[in-house]
Amino acid sequence: MRGPWLTSVLGLILLFGITVLFVTGLVSYAAYNPDLAAVNDQTPGKGWLGFYLFPWPTSPYWLYRVTQGVHVTLGIVLVPVLLAKLWSVIPKLFEWPPVRSAAHGIERLSLLLLVGGAGFEFVTGILNVQLHYIFPGSFYTLHFYGAWVFIGAFVVHVAFRLPGALRAVGHRLGESAAGTHDAAGLVSPRPAAPTISRRGALGMVGLGSLVLLAVTAGQSMGGWFRQTALLAPHRQDPGSGPNGFQINKTAASVGIRPSDIGSAWRLTVRGAGKQIDLTYDQLLALPQNESSLPIACVEGWSTSDQHWSGVRLTDLAALVGLGTNTPQVFVESVQRGGPFRSVVLRDNQARDDRSLLAVRVNGAVLSHDHGYPARVIVPGAPGVHNTKWVTRLTFGDPA
C-alpha cells in the first residue's frame, strides 16, 4: 500500500487539520488575555511569539466554547490520520545516507522536529484533556513552545513536499514502481501481495477518526451528549440537581477549608483609593441580576448554558466610585495552591452587563465545588478565568 498517493492524501488531510489546530491554539492563548498580567500568562518570555494577541471579546458568548471544542476534538480525531501518515513514510525516516546535500539536510532536520513535535503536542494535549498532569513543568508553557517548534518544522516540510503531494494525488503516482523518482523511496522494492486497497486503508483510518469523534465531541457539546464522551475525564462526578454540571477542580482538591468560606468570609472590593468589605448577607442584599452562560475549559469540555444570578461587576465597581467606564479588575480567590487562583479581567469583560459575581446557579445556592460563596462568571472567558471562591476584587491597576 505504501506509495506517494497514500502518503500524499494523508498529508493533505493533515495540512488542513493541523492548520486549524494551530489557529485555534493561537485563539485559545489570546483568550487568556496574557498581556494584562503575569497571573494570566503561564508562558512567560513569549516575546514576539505573542505578536497576534488581541483583546478577547465577550461576544459571541459561546466563542471560546466553540474554538476550544474544535481544537481539542479535532486534535483527537486526527490521531489515526497522524499514525497512518507516520506508518506510510517509515522507509523515508530511515533512508541512507541521511544527508545528501545542504537542502536535504535542512529537510531532514525539519523532519526530525516535525515528527518529534507532532508526538509531543498530541501526547501532551491528550494528557491535558484527561486532567493527567505528569509534565515536568506547566502544560501551558510546554504546549505553547512545543507548538511553535512543531509549526516551524511543519511549514518547512510543506514547502518541500506540497508540490509533489499535489502532483501525486492528481496523477495517481501511487502506482509508481520502486526505484523511480516518483516513488521517492516509499514503494517497497519487493512488495507483498496486497491484502487491502489504498482506499480501503483510508476507509479504516476514516472509521477510526469517526469513532473518536463520536466518543469525544460530546464533552464540548454538553447536555445529554456528554454521556457519549467516553474519552472525557469522569473521575469527578458533578452529581445531579441545579449544581449537577461539570467541574475541573473540587474545593477539597485545592485545599478550601470550611473556615475559608464560612461565616467569617468577606468580599473585599477595592479601587480608586477606597475599600469596602461585604458579608455574604450584604452581598445578597445588593441588586441581583441574571445571565445564562456556559463554562468552557481548555481541556475541551463545556457545559450547556447555566442560569446564573448575582451582582454585576459594574455594580461592585460603583461601590468604590468606578461604576462609569469600569476598568480592569484583579480577581482573587481564597484558594491557596494551584495555578489560576487569581486572574485579571480586561475592562471590556468587567463592563459587560452579563459579567457577574454569581451567588446562585439554576435557582440554587452555589455548591462548594462550584465556588460558594461567590464566583465570577464572564461571557466568552476560559473556564479558569471564571474564578471560584472569590474573596477580593481590585478595580484598576492591581498595583
Protein backbone atom coordinates (compact mmCIF):
# COMPACT_ATOMS: atom_id res chain seq x y z
CA MET A 1 0.00 0.00 0.00
CA ARG A 2 2.89 2.39 0.63
CA GLY A 3 3.47 4.93 -2.07
CA PRO A 4 3.23 8.62 -2.95
CA TRP A 5 -0.54 8.56 -3.46
CA LEU A 6 -1.44 7.23 0.01
CA THR A 7 1.18 9.38 1.74
CA SER A 8 0.04 12.48 -0.15
CA VAL A 9 -3.65 12.02 0.64
CA LEU A 10 -2.91 11.59 4.34
CA GLY A 11 -0.55 14.57 4.22
CA LEU A 12 -3.13 16.85 2.63
CA ILE A 13 -5.67 15.89 5.30
CA LEU A 14 -3.13 16.76 7.98
CA LEU A 15 -2.23 20.00 6.20
CA PHE A 16 -5.80 21.20 6.64
CA GLY A 17 -6.30 19.73 10.11
CA ILE A 18 -3.04 20.94 11.65
CA THR A 19 -3.58 24.43 10.24
CA VAL A 20 -6.95 24.57 12.01
CA LEU A 21 -5.36 23.21 15.20
CA PHE A 22 -2.65 25.86 15.13
CA VAL A 23 -5.06 28.74 14.52
CA THR A 24 -7.48 27.61 17.24
CA GLY A 25 -4.50 27.14 19.56
CA LEU A 26 -3.42 30.75 18.98
CA VAL A 27 -7.01 31.85 19.61
CA SER A 28 -7.09 29.88 22.86
CA TYR A 29 -3.94 31.60 24.07
CA ALA A 30 -5.34 35.02 23.15
CA ALA A 31 -8.48 34.23 25.18
CA TYR A 32 -6.39 34.30 28.36
CA ASN A 33 -5.55 37.99 27.81
CA PRO A 34 -1.91 37.15 28.66
CA ASP A 35 -0.63 40.70 28.16
CA LEU A 36 -2.78 42.02 31.04
CA ALA A 37 -0.85 40.49 33.92
CA ALA A 38 1.59 37.75 34.86
CA VAL A 39 -1.17 35.80 36.63
CA ASN A 40 -2.95 35.39 33.28
CA ASP A 41 0.10 34.08 31.47
CA GLN A 42 1.59 30.64 32.08
CA THR A 43 4.13 31.17 29.25
CA PRO A 44 6.50 33.94 30.39
CA GLY A 45 9.10 35.24 27.97
CA LYS A 46 6.99 34.75 24.85
CA GLY A 47 8.39 37.94 23.25
CA TRP A 48 7.48 38.30 19.59
CA LEU A 49 5.65 34.95 19.68
CA GLY A 50 2.72 36.93 21.09
CA PHE A 51 2.50 39.23 18.07
CA TYR A 52 -1.06 38.11 17.22
CA LEU A 53 -2.62 38.85 20.64
CA PHE A 54 -5.75 40.96 20.72
CA PRO A 55 -8.32 41.97 23.37
CA TRP A 56 -10.54 38.94 23.87
CA PRO A 57 -14.21 39.80 23.18
CA THR A 58 -17.23 38.88 25.29
CA SER A 59 -19.49 38.39 22.26
CA PRO A 60 -20.48 35.99 20.99
CA TYR A 61 -20.56 34.50 24.48
CA TRP A 62 -20.03 30.97 23.10
CA LEU A 63 -16.86 31.88 21.15
CA TYR A 64 -14.32 30.14 23.40
CA ARG A 65 -16.60 27.14 23.79
CA VAL A 66 -16.60 26.63 20.00
CA THR A 67 -12.94 27.39 19.25
CA GLN A 68 -11.55 25.28 22.08
CA GLY A 69 -14.04 22.49 21.42
CA VAL A 70 -12.88 22.37 17.81
CA HIS A 71 -9.23 22.45 18.88
CA VAL A 72 -9.48 19.51 21.28
CA THR A 73 -11.94 17.39 19.32
CA LEU A 74 -10.10 17.80 16.02
CA GLY A 75 -6.78 17.02 17.70
CA ILE A 76 -8.12 13.68 18.94
CA VAL A 77 -9.87 12.89 15.65
CA LEU A 78 -6.60 13.40 13.74
CA VAL A 79 -4.69 10.79 15.78
CA PRO A 80 -5.45 7.87 13.38
CA VAL A 81 -4.52 10.05 10.41
CA LEU A 82 -1.22 11.04 12.04
CA LEU A 83 -0.35 7.44 12.89
CA ALA A 84 -1.22 6.28 9.37
CA LYS A 85 0.90 9.05 7.87
CA LEU A 86 3.88 8.08 10.03
CA TRP A 87 3.43 4.43 9.02
CA SER A 88 3.34 5.38 5.35
CA VAL A 89 6.69 7.18 5.47
CA ILE A 90 8.66 4.75 7.64
CA PRO A 91 11.07 3.99 4.76
CA LYS A 92 11.81 7.70 4.39
CA LEU A 93 12.54 8.11 8.09
CA PHE A 94 15.43 5.65 7.87
CA GLU A 95 16.79 6.35 4.37
CA TRP A 96 20.57 6.23 3.84
CA PRO A 97 22.67 8.29 3.58
CA PRO A 98 20.75 10.54 5.97
CA VAL A 99 22.05 13.77 4.41
CA ARG A 100 22.91 14.18 0.71
CA SER A 101 23.09 17.98 0.40
CA ALA A 102 22.55 21.19 2.36
CA ALA A 103 18.93 21.43 1.21
CA HIS A 104 18.37 17.76 2.03
CA GLY A 105 19.94 18.33 5.46
CA ILE A 106 17.51 21.15 6.22
CA GLU A 107 14.63 18.96 5.16
CA ARG A 108 15.85 16.08 7.35
CA LEU A 109 16.24 18.37 10.35
CA SER A 110 12.73 19.70 9.81
CA LEU A 111 11.52 16.10 9.61
CA LEU A 112 13.09 15.29 12.97
CA LEU A 113 11.45 18.33 14.55
CA LEU A 114 8.20 17.59 12.72
CA VAL A 115 7.83 14.01 13.92
CA GLY A 116 9.08 14.77 17.43
CA GLY A 117 6.97 17.92 17.67
CA ALA A 118 3.84 16.15 16.47
CA GLY A 119 4.25 13.40 19.04
CA PHE A 120 4.95 15.90 21.82
CA GLU A 121 1.97 18.15 21.01
CA PHE A 122 -0.54 15.36 20.57
CA VAL A 123 0.58 13.45 23.68
CA THR A 124 0.66 16.49 25.98
CA GLY A 125 -2.67 17.70 24.60
CA ILE A 126 -4.38 14.35 25.20
CA LEU A 127 -2.92 14.09 28.72
CA ASN A 128 -4.25 17.58 29.46
CA VAL A 129 -7.71 16.59 28.23
CA GLN A 130 -7.58 13.72 30.73
CA LEU A 131 -6.50 16.08 33.55
CA HIS A 132 -3.41 13.88 33.89
CA TYR A 133 -0.68 16.37 34.72
CA ILE A 134 2.57 14.43 34.68
CA PHE A 135 4.53 17.15 32.87
CA PRO A 136 7.90 18.36 34.20
CA GLY A 137 6.50 21.90 34.28
CA SER A 138 3.45 23.86 33.24
CA PHE A 139 1.36 22.33 30.46
CA TYR A 140 0.70 25.81 29.08
CA THR A 141 4.40 26.62 28.73
CA LEU A 142 5.35 23.25 27.27
CA HIS A 143 2.45 23.09 24.83
CA PHE A 144 2.93 26.71 23.74
CA TYR A 145 6.62 26.48 22.88
CA GLY A 146 6.23 22.95 21.53
CA ALA A 147 3.58 24.25 19.13
CA TRP A 148 5.91 26.90 17.73
CA VAL A 149 8.74 24.39 17.21
CA PHE A 150 6.32 21.98 15.55
CA ILE A 151 4.69 24.56 13.28
CA GLY A 152 8.08 25.87 12.16
CA ALA A 153 9.11 22.37 11.06
CA PHE A 154 5.67 21.85 9.56
CA VAL A 155 5.97 24.94 7.36
CA VAL A 156 9.42 23.88 6.10
CA HIS A 157 8.16 20.37 5.38
CA VAL A 158 5.12 21.65 3.50
CA ALA A 159 7.30 23.96 1.42
CA PHE A 160 9.42 20.99 0.31
CA ARG A 161 6.64 18.43 -0.13
CA LEU A 162 3.39 20.16 -1.12
CA PRO A 163 4.07 20.38 -4.89
CA GLY A 164 4.91 16.69 -5.06
CA ALA A 165 1.91 15.75 -2.94
CA LEU A 166 -0.48 17.63 -5.22
CA ARG A 167 1.14 16.03 -8.26
CA ALA A 168 0.91 12.55 -6.73
CA VAL A 169 -2.78 12.88 -5.91
CA GLY A 170 -3.59 14.40 -9.30
CA HIS A 171 -1.76 11.76 -11.34
CA ARG A 172 -2.13 8.72 -9.06
CA LEU A 173 1.62 8.34 -8.62
CA GLY A 174 0.93 5.71 -6.01
CA GLU A 175 1.21 3.27 -8.92
CA SER A 176 4.85 4.27 -9.48
CA ALA A 177 7.37 1.46 -9.42
CA ALA A 178 10.07 1.17 -6.80
CA GLY A 179 13.29 2.95 -7.68
CA THR A 180 11.66 5.63 -9.80
CA HIS A 181 11.81 9.28 -8.89
CA ASP A 182 8.06 9.38 -8.39
CA ALA A 183 8.18 6.56 -5.85
CA ALA A 184 10.51 8.74 -3.76
CA GLY A 185 11.72 5.77 -1.71
CA LEU A 186 8.24 4.98 -0.41
CA VAL A 187 7.46 1.93 -2.55
CA SER A 188 8.90 -1.39 -1.42
CA PRO A 189 11.24 -3.00 -3.98
CA ARG A 190 9.66 -6.39 -3.15
CA PRO A 191 6.06 -5.68 -2.12
CA ALA A 192 3.97 -8.48 -0.66
CA ALA A 193 0.65 -9.35 -2.21
CA PRO A 194 -1.92 -6.68 -1.27
CA THR A 195 -4.49 -7.61 1.36
CA ILE A 196 -6.36 -4.30 1.23
CA SER A 197 -6.61 -1.45 -1.25
CA ARG A 198 -5.36 2.06 -0.62
CA ARG A 199 -8.95 3.28 -0.50
CA GLY A 200 -9.70 0.52 1.99
CA ALA A 201 -6.82 1.70 4.16
CA LEU A 202 -8.12 5.27 4.02
CA GLY A 203 -11.56 3.95 4.94
CA MET A 204 -10.15 2.24 8.04
CA VAL A 205 -8.37 5.42 9.09
CA GLY A 206 -11.55 7.43 8.49
CA LEU A 207 -13.60 4.96 10.53
CA GLY A 208 -11.14 5.24 13.41
CA SER A 209 -11.45 9.03 13.29
CA LEU A 210 -15.25 8.83 13.23
CA VAL A 211 -15.24 6.57 16.31
CA LEU A 212 -13.01 9.04 18.15
CA LEU A 213 -15.29 11.87 17.10
CA ALA A 214 -18.32 10.01 18.48
CA VAL A 215 -16.69 9.37 21.87
CA THR A 216 -15.12 12.84 22.21
CA ALA A 217 -17.35 15.58 20.79
CA GLY A 218 -19.99 15.21 23.50
CA GLN A 219 -17.75 16.81 26.12
CA SER A 220 -17.76 20.04 24.10
CA MET A 221 -21.45 19.88 23.21
CA GLY A 222 -22.53 19.32 26.80
CA GLY A 223 -26.02 18.36 27.94
CA TRP A 224 -27.19 14.85 27.08
CA PHE A 225 -24.36 14.39 24.59
CA ARG A 226 -21.82 14.37 27.40
CA GLN A 227 -22.90 10.79 28.10
CA THR A 228 -21.32 9.81 24.78
CA ALA A 229 -17.96 11.41 25.68
CA LEU A 230 -16.27 8.19 26.76
CA LEU A 231 -12.80 9.74 26.49
CA ALA A 232 -13.67 12.72 28.70
CA PRO A 233 -12.43 12.59 32.31
CA HIS A 234 -15.16 11.09 34.50
CA ARG A 235 -13.46 10.79 37.87
CA GLN A 236 -15.20 13.94 39.19
CA ASP A 237 -18.93 13.23 39.29
CA PRO A 238 -20.86 16.52 39.36
CA GLY A 239 -23.96 14.78 40.66
CA SER A 240 -27.49 15.90 39.86
CA GLY A 241 -29.68 18.90 40.60
CA PRO A 242 -29.03 22.61 39.96
CA ASN A 243 -25.30 22.22 40.65
CA GLY A 244 -25.03 18.99 38.67
CA PHE A 245 -22.72 20.10 35.86
CA GLN A 246 -19.07 19.51 35.10
CA ILE A 247 -16.18 20.92 37.15
CA ASN A 248 -12.42 20.56 36.74
CA LYS A 249 -11.39 21.07 40.38
CA THR A 250 -13.23 20.47 43.62
CA ALA A 251 -12.99 22.57 46.78
CA ALA A 252 -11.18 19.73 48.53
CA SER A 253 -8.65 19.28 45.70
CA VAL A 254 -7.36 22.87 46.11
CA GLY A 255 -7.42 22.94 49.89
CA ILE A 256 -10.53 25.02 50.54
CA ARG A 257 -11.33 24.74 54.27
CA PRO A 258 -14.78 25.26 55.80
CA SER A 259 -13.45 28.28 57.67
CA ASP A 260 -12.36 29.89 54.38
CA ILE A 261 -15.93 30.07 53.10
CA GLY A 262 -17.83 30.10 56.41
CA SER A 263 -19.44 32.93 58.38
CA ALA A 264 -16.11 34.79 58.61
CA TRP A 265 -15.84 35.09 54.80
CA ARG A 266 -15.77 38.64 53.48
CA LEU A 267 -15.73 40.10 50.00
CA THR A 268 -13.28 42.99 49.74
CA VAL A 269 -13.85 45.48 46.92
CA ARG A 270 -11.03 47.94 46.21
CA GLY A 271 -10.47 50.73 43.74
CA ALA A 272 -9.79 54.47 43.40
CA GLY A 273 -8.26 54.54 46.87
CA LYS A 274 -11.37 53.08 48.51
CA GLN A 275 -12.14 49.74 50.10
CA ILE A 276 -15.42 48.12 51.13
CA ASP A 277 -15.83 44.81 52.95
CA LEU A 278 -19.09 42.93 52.46
CA THR A 279 -20.51 39.99 54.35
CA TYR A 280 -22.37 37.29 52.46
CA ASP A 281 -25.72 38.71 53.56
CA GLN A 282 -24.70 42.21 52.45
CA LEU A 283 -23.71 40.81 49.05
CA LEU A 284 -27.12 39.17 48.75
CA ALA A 285 -28.78 42.49 49.63
CA LEU A 286 -27.25 44.19 46.57
CA PRO A 287 -29.25 44.29 43.29
CA GLN A 288 -29.23 40.80 41.80
CA ASN A 289 -29.04 40.19 38.05
CA GLU A 290 -29.14 37.11 35.85
CA SER A 291 -27.11 35.67 32.97
CA SER A 292 -27.33 32.43 31.01
CA LEU A 293 -23.78 31.40 30.20
CA PRO A 294 -21.81 28.16 29.71
CA ILE A 295 -18.47 27.21 31.21
CA ALA A 296 -15.84 26.14 28.68
CA CYS A 297 -12.39 24.89 29.67
CA VAL A 298 -9.06 24.43 27.93
CA GLU A 299 -9.43 20.66 28.28
CA GLY A 300 -12.18 20.87 25.66
CA TRP A 301 -15.23 20.20 27.84
CA SER A 302 -18.03 22.67 28.25
CA THR A 303 -21.44 22.85 29.85
CA SER A 304 -24.74 23.89 28.42
CA ASP A 305 -25.88 27.41 29.31
CA GLN A 306 -26.35 27.62 33.08
CA HIS A 307 -28.66 30.19 34.64
CA TRP A 308 -26.55 32.36 36.96
CA SER A 309 -27.65 35.12 39.33
CA GLY A 310 -25.58 37.57 41.31
CA VAL A 311 -24.19 41.09 41.37
CA ARG A 312 -22.87 42.72 38.22
CA LEU A 313 -19.18 43.57 38.29
CA THR A 314 -20.09 47.10 37.23
CA ASP A 315 -22.31 47.47 40.32
CA LEU A 316 -19.49 46.30 42.56
CA ALA A 317 -17.14 48.78 40.88
CA ALA A 318 -19.70 51.51 41.57
CA LEU A 319 -19.35 50.83 45.31
CA VAL A 320 -15.84 52.31 45.12
CA GLY A 321 -16.75 55.07 42.67
CA LEU A 322 -15.79 53.28 39.44
CA GLY A 323 -19.18 52.33 38.05
CA THR A 324 -18.81 54.51 34.95
CA ASN A 325 -16.24 53.14 32.48
CA THR A 326 -15.38 50.25 34.78
CA PRO A 327 -11.65 49.43 34.50
CA GLN A 328 -9.99 46.04 34.52
CA VAL A 329 -10.37 44.01 37.69
CA PHE A 330 -7.98 41.78 39.61
CA VAL A 331 -9.93 38.82 40.99
CA GLU A 332 -8.52 36.83 43.91
CA SER A 333 -9.70 33.57 45.40
CA VAL A 334 -9.31 32.03 48.84
CA GLN A 335 -7.74 29.09 47.01
CA ARG A 336 -4.21 28.70 48.33
CA GLY A 337 -2.49 26.47 45.81
CA GLY A 338 -2.50 25.59 42.14
CA PRO A 339 -2.50 27.76 39.01
CA PHE A 340 -5.10 30.41 38.18
CA ARG A 341 -6.17 31.11 41.75
CA SER A 342 -6.29 34.75 40.64
CA VAL A 343 -6.90 36.48 37.32
CA VAL A 344 -7.11 39.92 35.73
CA LEU A 345 -10.22 40.54 33.64
CA ARG A 346 -9.99 43.13 30.86
CA ASP A 347 -12.14 46.26 31.09
CA ASN A 348 -14.50 45.06 28.34
CA GLN A 349 -15.12 41.91 30.39
CA ALA A 350 -15.77 43.84 33.60
CA ARG A 351 -18.15 46.24 31.81
CA ASP A 352 -20.28 43.59 30.16
CA ASP A 353 -23.72 43.51 31.80
CA ARG A 354 -23.62 39.70 31.74
CA SER A 355 -20.45 39.57 33.87
CA LEU A 356 -21.46 38.66 37.42
CA LEU A 357 -20.12 37.81 40.79
CA ALA A 358 -22.53 34.90 40.96
CA VAL A 359 -24.02 33.56 44.18
CA ARG A 360 -26.65 31.24 42.70
CA VAL A 361 -26.92 28.92 39.73
CA ASN A 362 -30.07 27.40 38.25
CA GLY A 363 -32.07 28.80 41.14
CA ALA A 364 -29.92 27.25 43.90
CA VAL A 365 -27.09 28.46 46.10
CA LEU A 366 -23.68 27.62 44.63
CA SER A 367 -22.26 24.34 45.87
CA HIS A 368 -18.84 24.38 47.49
CA ASP A 369 -17.32 22.78 44.39
CA HIS A 370 -18.90 25.43 42.14
CA GLY A 371 -17.40 28.28 44.12
CA TYR A 372 -19.58 29.05 47.16
CA PRO A 373 -19.98 31.70 48.44
CA ALA A 374 -19.29 33.62 45.22
CA ARG A 375 -17.64 33.10 41.86
CA VAL A 376 -17.04 35.13 38.74
CA ILE A 377 -18.88 34.28 35.53
CA VAL A 378 -17.89 36.16 32.36
CA PRO A 379 -19.20 35.64 28.81
CA GLY A 380 -16.67 34.06 26.46
CA ALA A 381 -13.91 33.65 29.07
CA PRO A 382 -11.96 30.39 29.53
CA GLY A 383 -13.24 28.36 32.47
CA VAL A 384 -10.23 29.03 34.68
CA HIS A 385 -10.91 32.78 34.41
CA ASN A 386 -14.34 32.28 35.96
CA THR A 387 -12.64 32.29 39.35
CA LYS A 388 -14.29 30.40 42.20
CA TRP A 389 -14.32 31.16 45.94
CA VAL A 390 -13.72 34.86 45.30
CA THR A 391 -12.60 36.95 48.25
CA ARG A 392 -11.22 40.18 46.72
CA LEU A 393 -11.89 42.39 43.69
CA THR A 394 -9.44 45.18 42.90
CA PHE A 395 -10.61 47.53 40.15
CA GLY A 396 -7.98 49.44 38.20
CA ASP A 397 -4.25 48.81 38.36
CA PRO A 398 -3.70 45.83 40.73
CA ALA A 399 -0.50 47.52 41.95
